[in-house]
N, C-alpha and C. Protein backbone atom coordinates (compact mmCIF):
# COMPACT_ATOMS: atom_id res chain seq x y z
N HIS A 1 126.72 62.38 31.62
CA HIS A 1 128.10 62.08 31.30
C HIS A 1 128.43 60.72 31.91
N GLY A 2 129.27 59.96 31.18
CA GLY A 2 129.70 58.75 31.71
C GLY A 2 131.11 58.44 31.27
N ILE A 3 131.83 57.68 32.06
CA ILE A 3 133.18 57.28 31.75
C ILE A 3 133.12 55.76 31.46
N VAL A 4 133.59 55.38 30.32
CA VAL A 4 133.54 53.95 29.99
C VAL A 4 134.94 53.54 29.56
N PRO A 5 135.53 52.45 30.11
CA PRO A 5 136.83 52.04 29.62
C PRO A 5 136.77 51.49 28.20
N GLY A 6 137.85 51.65 27.45
CA GLY A 6 137.93 51.20 26.08
C GLY A 6 138.50 49.78 26.06
N GLY A 7 137.90 48.88 26.74
CA GLY A 7 138.38 47.49 26.79
C GLY A 7 137.88 46.80 28.04
N GLY A 8 138.50 45.67 28.36
CA GLY A 8 138.09 44.91 29.54
C GLY A 8 139.06 43.87 29.92
N LEU A 9 138.86 43.30 31.10
CA LEU A 9 139.72 42.29 31.59
C LEU A 9 139.49 40.99 30.82
N SER A 10 140.55 40.20 30.66
CA SER A 10 140.43 38.87 30.04
C SER A 10 139.62 38.00 30.94
N PRO A 11 139.04 36.92 30.35
CA PRO A 11 138.22 36.04 31.19
C PRO A 11 138.89 35.50 32.51
N ASP A 12 140.23 35.30 32.40
CA ASP A 12 140.92 34.90 33.59
C ASP A 12 141.27 36.02 34.55
N GLY A 13 140.99 37.25 34.15
CA GLY A 13 141.26 38.41 34.97
C GLY A 13 142.66 38.79 35.11
N GLU A 14 143.57 38.26 34.18
CA GLU A 14 145.01 38.45 34.37
C GLU A 14 145.54 39.60 33.48
N ARG A 15 144.83 39.98 32.42
CA ARG A 15 145.33 40.98 31.54
C ARG A 15 144.21 41.83 30.96
N TRP A 16 144.56 43.02 30.52
CA TRP A 16 143.68 43.99 29.90
C TRP A 16 143.59 43.73 28.42
N ILE A 17 142.37 43.69 27.87
CA ILE A 17 142.22 43.57 26.46
C ILE A 17 141.57 44.83 25.92
N ALA A 18 142.35 45.58 25.16
CA ALA A 18 141.87 46.88 24.58
C ALA A 18 141.00 46.65 23.37
N CYS A 19 140.09 47.56 23.13
CA CYS A 19 139.27 47.54 21.90
C CYS A 19 140.15 47.81 20.70
N ARG A 20 139.67 47.35 19.57
CA ARG A 20 140.38 47.66 18.29
C ARG A 20 140.55 49.17 18.19
N PRO A 21 141.65 49.64 17.59
CA PRO A 21 141.84 51.10 17.46
C PRO A 21 140.67 51.66 16.68
N GLY A 22 140.16 52.74 17.15
CA GLY A 22 139.03 53.49 16.43
C GLY A 22 137.72 52.86 16.68
N PHE A 23 137.60 51.83 17.49
CA PHE A 23 136.31 51.22 17.70
C PHE A 23 136.05 51.02 19.17
N PHE A 24 134.88 51.42 19.62
CA PHE A 24 134.49 51.10 20.96
C PHE A 24 132.99 50.61 20.86
N LEU A 25 132.17 51.54 20.62
CA LEU A 25 130.72 51.25 20.38
C LEU A 25 130.23 52.00 19.17
N PRO A 26 129.52 51.36 18.32
CA PRO A 26 128.97 52.09 17.13
C PRO A 26 127.98 53.07 17.71
N ALA A 27 128.04 54.30 17.20
CA ALA A 27 127.16 55.38 17.69
C ALA A 27 125.67 55.05 17.62
N ARG A 28 125.28 54.38 16.52
CA ARG A 28 123.93 53.99 16.42
C ARG A 28 123.43 53.02 17.47
N VAL A 29 124.27 52.01 17.81
CA VAL A 29 123.96 51.08 18.89
C VAL A 29 123.86 51.84 20.21
N LEU A 30 124.90 52.76 20.48
CA LEU A 30 124.85 53.52 21.69
C LEU A 30 123.58 54.37 21.83
N SER A 31 123.26 54.99 20.71
CA SER A 31 122.06 55.84 20.67
C SER A 31 120.81 55.10 21.00
N ARG A 32 120.63 53.94 20.44
CA ARG A 32 119.42 53.19 20.58
C ARG A 32 119.37 52.56 22.01
N LEU A 33 120.56 52.24 22.50
CA LEU A 33 120.52 51.62 23.87
C LEU A 33 120.17 52.76 24.85
N PHE A 34 120.78 53.99 24.69
CA PHE A 34 120.48 55.08 25.61
C PHE A 34 119.04 55.47 25.54
N ARG A 35 118.48 55.54 24.29
CA ARG A 35 117.11 55.88 24.14
C ARG A 35 116.17 54.94 24.87
N ARG A 36 116.47 53.61 24.74
CA ARG A 36 115.60 52.65 25.39
C ARG A 36 115.71 52.68 26.90
N ARG A 37 116.92 52.84 27.43
CA ARG A 37 117.13 52.87 28.83
C ARG A 37 116.51 54.17 29.42
N PHE A 38 116.68 55.30 28.80
CA PHE A 38 116.15 56.60 29.22
C PHE A 38 114.63 56.57 29.30
N LEU A 39 114.03 56.06 28.21
CA LEU A 39 112.54 56.01 28.12
C LEU A 39 111.99 55.06 29.16
N GLU A 40 112.66 53.90 29.35
CA GLU A 40 112.18 52.95 30.43
C GLU A 40 112.26 53.62 31.80
N ALA A 41 113.32 54.38 32.08
CA ALA A 41 113.47 55.04 33.39
C ALA A 41 112.38 56.15 33.51
N LEU A 42 112.06 56.83 32.42
CA LEU A 42 111.08 57.85 32.46
C LEU A 42 109.66 57.26 32.73
N GLN A 43 109.37 56.13 31.98
CA GLN A 43 108.14 55.44 32.12
C GLN A 43 107.96 54.92 33.65
N SER A 44 109.09 54.43 34.18
CA SER A 44 109.06 53.95 35.56
C SER A 44 108.82 55.05 36.51
N ALA A 45 109.48 56.17 36.32
CA ALA A 45 109.28 57.32 37.18
C ALA A 45 107.82 57.76 37.15
N HIS A 46 107.18 57.70 35.91
CA HIS A 46 105.78 58.15 35.83
C HIS A 46 104.89 57.14 36.57
N HIS A 47 105.21 55.89 36.43
CA HIS A 47 104.40 54.82 37.09
C HIS A 47 104.51 54.94 38.61
N ARG A 48 105.68 55.36 39.13
CA ARG A 48 105.83 55.52 40.59
C ARG A 48 105.22 56.89 41.09
N GLY A 49 104.79 57.71 40.16
CA GLY A 49 104.24 59.00 40.59
C GLY A 49 105.34 60.08 40.90
N ASP A 50 106.57 59.86 40.43
CA ASP A 50 107.64 60.73 40.72
C ASP A 50 107.66 62.00 39.75
N LEU A 51 106.87 61.99 38.76
CA LEU A 51 106.85 63.14 37.83
C LEU A 51 105.70 64.09 38.16
N GLN A 52 105.88 65.39 37.95
CA GLN A 52 104.90 66.32 38.12
C GLN A 52 104.67 67.15 36.86
N PHE A 53 103.47 67.45 36.50
CA PHE A 53 103.20 68.23 35.26
C PHE A 53 102.43 69.42 35.56
N PHE A 54 102.68 70.52 34.89
CA PHE A 54 102.06 71.80 35.13
C PHE A 54 101.59 72.42 33.86
N GLY A 55 100.66 73.37 34.01
CA GLY A 55 100.15 74.12 32.84
C GLY A 55 99.54 73.28 31.81
N GLU A 56 99.95 73.46 30.61
CA GLU A 56 99.35 72.73 29.53
C GLU A 56 99.74 71.20 29.48
N TYR A 57 100.63 70.84 30.38
CA TYR A 57 101.08 69.48 30.42
C TYR A 57 100.45 68.57 31.48
N THR A 58 99.49 69.15 32.15
CA THR A 58 98.84 68.37 33.29
C THR A 58 98.24 67.07 32.81
N GLY A 59 97.75 67.04 31.58
CA GLY A 59 97.19 65.79 31.04
C GLY A 59 98.12 64.66 31.03
N LEU A 60 99.44 64.95 31.00
CA LEU A 60 100.43 63.84 30.94
C LEU A 60 100.46 63.04 32.22
N ALA A 61 99.78 63.43 33.28
CA ALA A 61 99.71 62.68 34.48
C ALA A 61 98.89 61.37 34.21
N ASP A 62 97.98 61.40 33.30
CA ASP A 62 97.23 60.22 32.91
C ASP A 62 98.08 59.24 32.22
N PRO A 63 98.14 57.94 32.69
CA PRO A 63 99.07 56.98 32.05
C PRO A 63 98.86 56.75 30.52
N ALA A 64 97.62 56.76 30.06
CA ALA A 64 97.36 56.54 28.65
C ALA A 64 97.90 57.68 27.81
N ILE A 65 97.63 58.91 28.31
CA ILE A 65 98.12 60.11 27.58
C ILE A 65 99.61 60.19 27.58
N PHE A 66 100.26 59.81 28.72
CA PHE A 66 101.75 59.84 28.80
C PHE A 66 102.25 58.72 27.81
N ALA A 67 101.73 57.56 27.76
CA ALA A 67 102.12 56.53 26.88
C ALA A 67 102.09 57.01 25.33
N ARG A 68 100.97 57.68 25.00
CA ARG A 68 100.83 58.21 23.64
C ARG A 68 101.90 59.30 23.40
N TRP A 69 102.20 60.11 24.41
CA TRP A 69 103.19 61.16 24.21
C TRP A 69 104.62 60.57 24.02
N LEU A 70 104.89 59.44 24.77
CA LEU A 70 106.19 58.74 24.60
C LEU A 70 106.36 58.03 23.34
N ALA A 71 105.35 57.55 22.74
CA ALA A 71 105.38 56.64 21.55
C ALA A 71 106.27 57.14 20.49
N PRO A 72 106.19 58.43 19.96
CA PRO A 72 107.08 58.84 18.88
C PRO A 72 108.51 58.87 19.29
N LEU A 73 108.78 59.05 20.62
CA LEU A 73 110.18 59.16 21.08
C LEU A 73 110.83 57.79 20.98
N ARG A 74 110.07 56.78 20.81
CA ARG A 74 110.66 55.41 20.82
C ARG A 74 111.16 55.07 19.37
N THR A 75 110.67 55.83 18.38
CA THR A 75 110.99 55.50 17.04
C THR A 75 111.94 56.49 16.31
N CYS A 76 112.04 57.65 16.82
CA CYS A 76 112.90 58.67 16.19
C CYS A 76 114.41 58.33 16.68
N GLU A 77 115.33 58.76 15.79
CA GLU A 77 116.76 58.57 16.12
C GLU A 77 117.19 59.61 17.18
N TRP A 78 117.93 59.21 18.15
CA TRP A 78 118.51 60.07 19.14
C TRP A 78 120.01 60.28 18.76
N VAL A 79 120.55 61.44 19.13
CA VAL A 79 121.90 61.71 18.86
C VAL A 79 122.71 61.54 20.17
N VAL A 80 123.79 60.72 20.03
CA VAL A 80 124.75 60.66 21.15
C VAL A 80 126.12 61.05 20.66
N TYR A 81 126.94 61.47 21.57
CA TYR A 81 128.32 61.93 21.19
C TYR A 81 129.28 61.28 22.12
N ALA A 82 130.25 60.59 21.59
CA ALA A 82 131.28 59.92 22.38
C ALA A 82 132.64 60.30 21.87
N LYS A 83 133.54 60.60 22.71
CA LYS A 83 134.92 60.92 22.32
C LYS A 83 135.84 60.53 23.42
N ARG A 84 137.13 60.49 23.06
CA ARG A 84 138.19 60.24 24.11
C ARG A 84 138.28 61.41 25.05
N PRO A 85 138.76 61.11 26.25
CA PRO A 85 138.96 62.20 27.28
C PRO A 85 139.95 63.19 26.72
N PHE A 86 139.79 64.45 27.16
CA PHE A 86 140.77 65.48 26.74
C PHE A 86 142.16 65.21 26.96
N ALA A 87 142.53 64.83 28.23
CA ALA A 87 143.90 64.61 28.57
C ALA A 87 144.21 63.18 28.87
N GLY A 88 143.48 62.26 28.41
CA GLY A 88 143.77 60.85 28.70
C GLY A 88 142.89 60.51 29.98
N PRO A 89 142.96 59.24 30.29
CA PRO A 89 142.11 58.76 31.47
C PRO A 89 142.44 59.38 32.77
N LYS A 90 143.65 59.88 33.02
CA LYS A 90 144.00 60.47 34.24
C LYS A 90 143.40 61.90 34.40
């Protein structure tokens, strides 16, 4: 879960600039960004040796096998869901 403001400060830092109504981030852009960042973090955790694999998945400890396992996850579409907070930002 993440909380993201629907706008930002003006370059001079004096006023708030809200997003256009009904627009913040296109879901497809958000999905692809999340996918890339998640898979980068997973690859990094594997490289550091932070992941453990058991049973039929012990082969994933090998970097080449893990890379082959990750490959299809880089090309399929991931689903993200974004909505306004239930009771507003407070």
